[in-house]
């Protein structure tokens, strides 16, 4: 596994099935119900900024049309469309509580922690369920605006207060990665903050391809799930058994291995180090190949879409370490070509890099020539990971298929083989899905269907096949009763 690690609509009546006004009243009553009736009084509270808890959620319905998110629509989505059974199949890894097969841990899913976020930023931690039916029933009862998934513990999370503190600990959890567009604000020129467009989504496409290559080729992982966060980011779940069993120290090592860049104003180069070697590490070279594709070669790449060499301080920062003669060469060329695009300017910089590589004589000059411009490409195109999310086994991460309350969009899987086909602005909203239910009366004819189908065929079935073989080897029995 670590063979290379140490190298490195509001009120619209769009309800299906037809729902009486009593449903709304029932939902409101459920939100007001005392949390101790659901077993969460001691652990659910409003968390203010700076308390060390999860970041407060701002349900800003003004950011969307009112038909895209509302409690009524969310209830219908949970009841009719949320894939509870598929999620259970994933997170139980064939450990079905109803199975009689040897080797099955019948309480495996029950020991998984879920967190519900209710309206008003109320966090209900230590939620757990014995099966898919109880999972759905609890969600329908509490109607969370967000759900987060945690680790599998030694004991059911709901009983954590009845267990000796040192005895209650996480045993396994998917290796996860979080990439947020906010971390690209110093280099994207099309949008800032919470805004998102197809141009800056290129950063996410590059991040997915680069992360996928590293996880599969450098570490040998097979079962990866990339999920749109519902607003402006991407989450990656690595579900291989070896990944789930990693200790916190091992997770930290993986995260640090994958962490090549840091964001920050006026930072235009990644800190690439040769450590006395004549060649760069193969993982860096492979990352650079993909970065270069999304930075320079793609028609909608970073140079073309962000035009970074003609906007902001980027070009000046890139030219700063060049010699006086090299800077004069670029300056004269730009004066002669005032309409040059960022790509045109970059090609001139590549000519300077080629000349440096050709004329390098000393060892230091040769090393500098090999790094030149590669560090720029990697800085602008390499994934900007929130590595703290990846380092701890008990870190919570938003569940796939939940609805983002600020956009109304569903957190759907992304096909890494068809990155150019994914447009975050076209991801279905809960309002749109309910309209489709009203129109067709068939959940399989909604715009959510392609995403649940991909989840089933390209991720879940392959994972279940591997999990079945592992359980068979562990228990030596028949797994056909699952």
Foldseek 3Di string as FASTA:
>chain_A
DQPCLVVFQAPDQLAPPRDDVVLVVQQVVLQVPACVVVLFNVPKDADDPPPPDDDFDDLDQVLEDNHQDDLRLLLRCLVPPFCLQLVQLQQLLLLDLPDPFFLRDQCQQQQWKKWAQAPPRIIGTLDGDNGSVRVSVVCSSNVGLFMKTFARWPDRSSCCVVDDVVRTDGQWAWQKWKFFCQLQQQQFAPDHDQDDFPLSCLLVLLQVVLVVCCCCPNPNQDFKWWWAPQTGIIMITGRDPVRGRDALVRLLSNLVRQAFEGGDHLDQFTPADPPPDLDGDPSLVVSLVSLCCQQAPDCSHSQNRRQRCVDDCRVVSLCVPPDPVLVVVLVVVCVVVVPDTSNRSVVSVVVVLVVQCVPDDDSVSNVCSNRRPSRRSCHNRHGNIPSVQRNHNGRIDTDAQRARSSYQFGTFTDDSVPSVVDTSVPGDGSSQQSNVCSVPVDNCPGPCNVRVVCCVPVRSVVSSVVSLVVSCVVRVTDSVVD
